[in-house]
Amino acid sequence: MNIIYKSSKFETYSYYIIFPFLIIISLFFTYKIVSYGNINIFSIIMILIFSYVLISSTESILKLKYIEVGEDNILIRNNNQIIEYKNIVYVYNLINIKGNSLVLWYLDVNTNKLKVILMRPEKENPTNISYTNTLLGAGELQVTKFIKDKAIKSNQNYLNINNPRWFLFSISPTFKLF
C-alpha cells in the first residue's frame, strides 16, 4: 500500500500517556471536592470542569488510532483493520486547541455498526486554520479533503455536510452526528 498520509507517531503515542494522566487528575480532584462536603457554586463549576476533562479525555483515548491513508483504503495500525473508502460515512476536522485532529465515521463490515476513530495527522501544520475559519468550516486539513473526496466518489450515502464539531461529545457514536 502506497501511504499518502499517516498519523503522527509522536502525537498519537504521547496522547496515550497524557490522557490517562488527565483522567486520573480529574477523578482525584472531583473526588476531593465532593468528599470535602462543602458544595457551593465554585465547587459545582470545578466539578463541571473536571467532568468535562474526564469525559473528553476518556472519549479521546478510546477513539484515538494510528492510521495510514493510502490511495485505495485506510489501514488502522492498532488492530490491522482495513477501511474501504466506500464504507466511510463522514469525516471532519475536530475543533480543538490546535485544530489538527481528524474524526472519521465508518461502517464496520464485520459488525455492520457505525464506528468512529480519531487521528492526529503527521506533517501538516494547520497554520491556515484559525478559530474563525474552523467555525465557518473553511479550514480543512489536506488529509481530510483527500479522504472526503475519495469517500464521496466511492459512497453515494456519504454525509456531504459541513458540520464542524466541538470537542466534547464530538466523536462518540452515542451522540448522533447532528
Protein backbone atom coordinates (compact mmCIF):
# COMPACT_ATOMS: atom_id res chain seq x y z
CA MET A 1 0.00 0.00 0.00
CA ASN A 2 1.33 3.40 -1.01
CA ILE A 3 0.97 5.62 2.07
CA ILE A 4 -0.09 9.18 1.28
CA TYR A 5 -0.93 10.39 4.80
CA LYS A 6 -0.41 8.86 8.22
CA SER A 7 -0.83 9.59 11.89
CA SER A 8 1.88 11.34 13.82
CA LYS A 9 3.62 8.73 15.96
CA PHE A 10 4.72 11.33 18.48
CA GLU A 11 1.30 12.90 18.98
CA THR A 12 -0.60 9.62 18.89
CA TYR A 13 1.54 7.79 21.41
CA SER A 14 2.10 10.82 23.65
CA TYR A 15 -1.67 11.14 23.92
CA TYR A 16 -1.76 7.58 25.26
CA ILE A 17 0.32 8.97 28.15
CA ILE A 18 -1.30 12.40 28.55
CA PHE A 19 -4.96 11.34 28.52
CA PRO A 20 -4.71 8.72 31.31
CA PHE A 21 -2.87 11.33 33.38
CA LEU A 22 -5.71 13.83 32.79
CA ILE A 23 -8.29 11.17 33.68
CA ILE A 24 -6.55 10.40 36.98
CA ILE A 25 -6.22 14.09 37.87
CA SER A 26 -9.89 14.74 37.04
CA LEU A 27 -11.08 11.81 39.11
CA PHE A 28 -8.85 12.79 42.03
CA PHE A 29 -9.94 16.43 42.18
CA THR A 30 -13.61 15.61 41.63
CA TYR A 31 -13.43 13.09 44.48
CA LYS A 32 -11.68 15.62 46.73
CA ILE A 33 -14.24 18.34 46.04
CA VAL A 34 -17.19 16.02 46.63
CA SER A 35 -15.67 14.39 49.74
CA TYR A 36 -14.93 17.79 51.28
CA GLY A 37 -18.69 18.21 51.64
CA ASN A 38 -18.96 21.98 51.30
CA ILE A 39 -20.75 22.32 47.96
CA ASN A 40 -21.07 25.87 46.70
CA ILE A 41 -21.22 27.48 43.26
CA PHE A 42 -17.43 27.40 42.88
CA SER A 43 -17.38 23.68 43.73
CA ILE A 44 -20.09 22.96 41.16
CA ILE A 45 -18.17 24.86 38.47
CA MET A 46 -14.98 22.97 39.30
CA ILE A 47 -16.82 19.63 39.20
CA LEU A 48 -18.22 20.55 35.78
CA ILE A 49 -14.75 21.49 34.50
CA PHE A 50 -13.17 18.28 35.80
CA SER A 51 -16.09 16.25 34.40
CA TYR A 52 -15.51 17.83 31.00
CA VAL A 53 -11.82 16.91 31.13
CA LEU A 54 -12.66 13.39 32.29
CA ILE A 55 -15.25 12.74 29.57
CA SER A 56 -13.28 14.29 26.71
CA SER A 57 -10.05 12.54 27.73
CA THR A 58 -11.75 9.18 28.08
CA GLU A 59 -13.54 9.60 24.77
CA SER A 60 -10.32 10.57 23.01
CA ILE A 61 -8.17 7.75 24.34
CA LEU A 62 -10.79 5.19 23.34
CA LYS A 63 -11.09 6.52 19.79
CA LEU A 64 -7.51 7.60 19.06
CA LYS A 65 -5.88 5.31 16.47
CA TYR A 66 -2.69 5.24 14.46
CA ILE A 67 -3.78 5.07 10.82
CA GLU A 68 -2.22 5.13 7.38
CA VAL A 69 -4.13 6.60 4.46
CA GLY A 70 -3.45 5.09 1.06
CA GLU A 71 -4.80 5.53 -2.44
CA ASP A 72 -7.17 2.54 -2.16
CA ASN A 73 -8.02 2.31 1.55
CA ILE A 74 -7.19 3.27 5.13
CA LEU A 75 -5.31 0.96 7.47
CA ILE A 76 -5.79 1.15 11.24
CA ARG A 77 -2.42 0.03 12.55
CA ASN A 78 -3.62 -0.65 16.12
CA ASN A 79 -5.60 -3.72 15.00
CA ASN A 80 -4.60 -4.08 11.31
CA GLN A 81 -8.12 -3.31 10.14
CA ILE A 82 -8.68 -2.02 6.62
CA ILE A 83 -11.35 0.59 5.92
CA GLU A 84 -12.53 0.91 2.34
CA TYR A 85 -13.50 4.39 1.19
CA LYS A 86 -16.96 3.12 0.26
CA ASN A 87 -17.59 2.40 3.98
CA ILE A 88 -16.76 5.91 5.18
CA VAL A 89 -19.87 7.73 6.32
CA TYR A 90 -18.47 11.08 7.42
CA VAL A 91 -15.09 12.75 8.00
CA TYR A 92 -14.37 16.13 9.54
CA ASN A 93 -11.80 18.16 11.44
CA LEU A 94 -12.24 18.29 15.16
CA ILE A 95 -12.41 21.76 16.62
CA ASN A 96 -9.85 21.80 19.39
CA ILE A 97 -7.00 23.96 20.55
CA LYS A 98 -4.54 23.03 17.79
CA GLY A 99 -7.23 22.37 15.19
CA ASN A 100 -5.45 19.42 13.58
CA SER A 101 -7.42 16.35 14.59
CA LEU A 102 -9.45 14.29 12.18
CA VAL A 103 -12.55 12.30 13.07
CA LEU A 104 -13.63 9.52 10.75
CA TRP A 105 -17.02 7.76 10.97
CA TYR A 106 -17.18 4.46 9.09
CA LEU A 107 -19.33 1.37 8.79
CA ASP A 108 -17.55 -1.70 10.16
CA VAL A 109 -18.29 -4.52 7.70
CA ASN A 110 -17.68 -7.23 10.30
CA THR A 111 -20.25 -5.96 12.81
CA ASN A 112 -22.33 -3.77 10.48
CA LYS A 113 -22.15 -0.98 13.07
CA LEU A 114 -21.06 2.63 12.85
CA LYS A 115 -17.61 3.20 14.39
CA VAL A 116 -15.52 6.28 14.98
CA ILE A 117 -11.78 6.88 15.06
CA LEU A 118 -9.72 9.93 15.95
CA MET A 119 -6.48 10.68 14.10
CA ARG A 120 -3.66 13.16 14.70
CA PRO A 121 -2.07 13.65 11.23
CA GLU A 122 1.65 13.89 10.57
CA LYS A 123 3.49 16.58 8.63
CA GLU A 124 0.62 19.01 8.47
CA ASN A 125 0.79 22.29 10.29
CA PRO A 126 -2.65 23.86 10.20
CA THR A 127 -1.39 27.43 10.16
CA ASN A 128 -4.21 28.48 7.86
CA ILE A 129 -6.77 27.07 10.29
CA SER A 130 -7.84 29.82 12.60
CA TYR A 131 -10.62 29.84 15.17
CA THR A 132 -12.89 31.82 12.83
CA ASN A 133 -12.11 29.65 9.79
CA THR A 134 -12.84 26.49 11.76
CA LEU A 135 -16.17 27.86 12.93
CA LEU A 136 -17.09 28.66 9.36
CA GLY A 137 -15.74 25.34 8.09
CA ALA A 138 -13.16 26.97 5.83
CA GLY A 139 -10.06 25.41 7.35
CA GLU A 140 -9.74 21.77 6.38
CA LEU A 141 -6.66 19.62 6.60
CA GLN A 142 -5.30 18.12 3.38
CA VAL A 143 -5.85 14.59 4.71
CA THR A 144 -9.48 15.46 5.49
CA LYS A 145 -10.02 16.76 1.96
CA PHE A 146 -8.34 13.68 0.47
CA ILE A 147 -10.42 11.19 2.46
CA LYS A 148 -13.61 13.18 1.89
CA ASP A 149 -13.07 13.27 -1.90
CA LYS A 150 -12.37 9.52 -2.02
CA ALA A 151 -15.40 8.75 0.15
CA ILE A 152 -17.75 10.93 -1.89
CA LYS A 153 -16.64 9.19 -5.10
CA SER A 154 -16.98 5.71 -3.59
CA ASN A 155 -20.04 6.06 -1.36
CA GLN A 156 -23.32 7.54 -2.57
CA ASN A 157 -24.59 7.64 1.05
CA TYR A 158 -21.71 9.81 2.30
CA LEU A 159 -22.98 12.66 4.51
CA ASN A 160 -21.69 15.58 2.48
CA ILE A 161 -22.36 18.23 5.08
CA ASN A 162 -20.08 20.78 6.61
CA ASN A 163 -20.74 20.39 10.32
CA PRO A 164 -17.71 21.39 12.41
CA ARG A 165 -17.84 19.80 15.82
CA TRP A 166 -16.70 20.90 19.24
CA PHE A 167 -14.51 18.63 21.30
CA LEU A 168 -16.93 17.40 24.00
CA PHE A 169 -19.17 14.57 22.75
CA SER A 170 -17.99 15.13 19.21
CA ILE A 171 -16.50 11.72 18.45
CA SER A 172 -18.83 9.42 20.33
CA PRO A 173 -21.31 7.36 18.28
CA THR A 174 -23.68 7.60 21.23
CA PHE A 175 -24.21 11.26 20.47
CA LYS A 176 -25.54 11.35 16.92
CA LEU A 177 -23.90 13.13 14.01
CA PHE A 178 -26.31 16.08 14.11
